[in-house]
N, C-alpha and C. Protein backbone atom coordinates (compact mmCIF):
# COMPACT_ATOMS: atom_id res chain seq x y z
N MET A 1 -17.71 -15.11 -8.70
CA MET A 1 -16.71 -14.48 -8.03
C MET A 1 -17.10 -12.96 -7.98
N THR A 2 -17.04 -12.28 -6.93
CA THR A 2 -17.32 -10.90 -6.70
C THR A 2 -16.05 -10.13 -6.48
N ASN A 3 -15.89 -8.92 -7.19
CA ASN A 3 -14.79 -8.16 -7.05
C ASN A 3 -15.05 -7.16 -5.88
N GLN A 4 -14.21 -7.07 -4.75
CA GLN A 4 -14.37 -6.03 -3.72
C GLN A 4 -13.47 -5.05 -3.90
N ILE A 5 -14.03 -3.86 -3.72
CA ILE A 5 -13.16 -2.67 -3.66
C ILE A 5 -12.74 -2.34 -2.31
N THR A 6 -11.42 -2.37 -2.15
CA THR A 6 -10.85 -2.18 -0.87
C THR A 6 -10.55 -0.86 -0.59
N GLU A 7 -10.16 -0.57 0.77
CA GLU A 7 -9.76 0.83 1.04
C GLU A 7 -8.48 1.32 0.28
N ALA A 8 -7.55 0.32 0.09
CA ALA A 8 -6.30 0.59 -0.52
C ALA A 8 -6.66 0.97 -1.99
N ASP A 9 -7.56 0.35 -2.79
CA ASP A 9 -7.97 0.65 -3.91
C ASP A 9 -8.54 2.10 -4.03
N LEU A 10 -9.36 2.48 -3.02
CA LEU A 10 -9.88 3.80 -3.12
C LEU A 10 -8.88 4.82 -2.94
N ARG A 11 -7.83 4.64 -1.94
CA ARG A 11 -6.74 5.56 -1.78
C ARG A 11 -5.86 5.65 -2.94
N ALA A 12 -5.67 4.54 -3.60
CA ALA A 12 -4.86 4.54 -4.87
C ALA A 12 -5.35 5.48 -5.98
N ALA A 13 -6.79 5.58 -5.81
CA ALA A 13 -7.43 6.28 -7.01
C ALA A 13 -7.56 7.82 -6.77
N LEU A 14 -7.14 8.28 -5.55
CA LEU A 14 -7.11 9.62 -5.32
C LEU A 14 -5.90 10.37 -5.95
N PRO A 15 -6.07 11.62 -6.29
CA PRO A 15 -5.01 12.34 -7.05
C PRO A 15 -4.00 12.80 -5.88
N ASP A 16 -2.72 12.89 -6.42
CA ASP A 16 -1.69 13.45 -5.59
C ASP A 16 -1.88 14.98 -5.34
N VAL A 17 -2.27 15.48 -4.17
CA VAL A 17 -2.57 17.02 -4.04
C VAL A 17 -1.48 17.51 -3.20
N GLU A 18 -0.39 16.76 -2.75
CA GLU A 18 0.36 17.42 -1.86
C GLU A 18 2.04 17.66 -2.44
N SER A 19 2.23 16.81 -3.46
CA SER A 19 3.68 16.94 -4.05
C SER A 19 3.71 18.17 -4.97
N GLU A 20 5.04 18.60 -5.03
CA GLU A 20 5.20 19.73 -6.00
C GLU A 20 5.78 19.08 -7.37
N GLN A 21 5.37 19.49 -8.40
CA GLN A 21 5.83 18.91 -9.78
C GLN A 21 6.57 20.01 -10.57
N ARG A 22 7.52 19.65 -11.29
CA ARG A 22 8.27 20.64 -12.19
C ARG A 22 8.16 20.03 -13.49
N LEU A 23 7.59 20.71 -14.44
CA LEU A 23 7.30 20.13 -15.78
C LEU A 23 7.93 21.02 -16.85
N ASP A 24 8.51 20.37 -17.83
CA ASP A 24 8.94 21.01 -19.08
C ASP A 24 7.73 21.55 -19.83
N GLY A 25 7.87 22.64 -20.35
CA GLY A 25 6.67 23.24 -21.08
C GLY A 25 6.04 24.51 -20.51
N VAL A 26 6.32 24.70 -19.16
CA VAL A 26 5.84 25.93 -18.42
C VAL A 26 7.13 26.93 -18.44
N PHE A 27 6.74 28.04 -19.08
CA PHE A 27 7.84 28.97 -19.32
C PHE A 27 8.26 29.88 -18.06
N THR A 28 7.32 30.35 -17.33
CA THR A 28 7.76 31.15 -16.29
C THR A 28 7.07 30.81 -14.84
N GLY A 29 6.03 29.97 -14.87
CA GLY A 29 5.59 29.56 -13.70
C GLY A 29 4.04 29.43 -13.78
N ALA A 30 3.56 28.31 -12.98
CA ALA A 30 2.06 28.23 -12.90
C ALA A 30 1.94 27.44 -11.55
N THR A 31 0.84 27.71 -10.89
CA THR A 31 0.50 27.08 -9.71
C THR A 31 -0.91 26.60 -9.68
N ILE A 32 -1.01 25.47 -9.24
CA ILE A 32 -2.40 24.71 -9.26
C ILE A 32 -2.65 24.31 -7.71
N TYR A 33 -3.67 24.78 -7.18
CA TYR A 33 -3.97 24.33 -5.81
C TYR A 33 -5.36 24.07 -5.63
N ARG A 34 -5.76 23.41 -4.59
CA ARG A 34 -7.16 23.10 -4.30
C ARG A 34 -7.60 23.86 -3.08
N ASP A 35 -8.79 24.52 -3.25
CA ASP A 35 -9.28 25.20 -1.96
C ASP A 35 -9.94 24.22 -0.99
N LYS A 36 -10.51 24.76 0.08
CA LYS A 36 -10.93 23.90 1.06
C LYS A 36 -12.11 22.92 0.76
N TRP A 37 -12.68 23.09 -0.37
CA TRP A 37 -13.77 22.26 -0.98
C TRP A 37 -13.27 21.35 -2.05
N GLY A 38 -11.91 21.45 -2.31
CA GLY A 38 -11.39 20.44 -3.35
C GLY A 38 -11.36 20.98 -4.54
N ILE A 39 -11.81 22.16 -4.74
CA ILE A 39 -11.91 22.81 -6.21
C ILE A 39 -10.53 23.12 -6.63
N PRO A 40 -10.00 22.83 -7.80
CA PRO A 40 -8.67 23.25 -8.15
C PRO A 40 -8.74 24.62 -8.77
N HIS A 41 -7.66 25.43 -8.50
CA HIS A 41 -7.71 26.74 -9.08
C HIS A 41 -6.09 26.91 -9.66
N ILE A 42 -5.97 27.61 -10.77
CA ILE A 42 -4.68 27.68 -11.49
C ILE A 42 -4.46 29.17 -11.64
N THR A 43 -3.24 29.59 -11.34
CA THR A 43 -2.62 30.79 -11.43
C THR A 43 -1.40 30.61 -12.30
N ALA A 44 -1.08 31.72 -13.00
CA ALA A 44 0.13 31.63 -13.91
C ALA A 44 0.55 33.00 -14.29
N ASP A 45 1.83 33.08 -14.60
CA ASP A 45 2.43 34.43 -15.00
C ASP A 45 2.08 34.84 -16.41
N ASN A 46 1.58 33.88 -17.13
CA ASN A 46 1.30 34.21 -18.59
C ASN A 46 0.26 33.28 -19.11
N GLU A 47 -0.41 33.63 -20.13
CA GLU A 47 -1.55 32.87 -20.80
C GLU A 47 -1.21 31.32 -21.28
N PRO A 48 0.06 31.28 -21.87
CA PRO A 48 0.40 29.88 -22.24
C PRO A 48 0.62 29.06 -21.00
N ASP A 49 1.24 29.48 -20.00
CA ASP A 49 1.34 28.65 -18.80
C ASP A 49 0.11 28.50 -18.17
N LEU A 50 -0.81 29.36 -18.19
CA LEU A 50 -2.11 29.19 -17.59
C LEU A 50 -2.91 27.97 -18.29
N PHE A 51 -2.83 28.00 -19.57
CA PHE A 51 -3.46 26.84 -20.38
C PHE A 51 -2.84 25.57 -20.37
N PHE A 52 -1.41 25.65 -20.21
CA PHE A 52 -0.61 24.45 -19.95
C PHE A 52 -1.12 23.77 -18.58
N GLY A 53 -1.17 24.64 -17.57
CA GLY A 53 -1.82 24.21 -16.25
C GLY A 53 -3.02 23.50 -16.26
């Protein structure tokens, strides 16, 4: 028996890059976004929020 990877499997494995998340633990704000090459960037109002992100 062979296991086939379907298109649905591949789509399910992709990270969510469109929704907004609000998390406990961030004090004043952090933003994580991906550039046109898919590389994530993190900006934050302070160092603890930066490392949390």
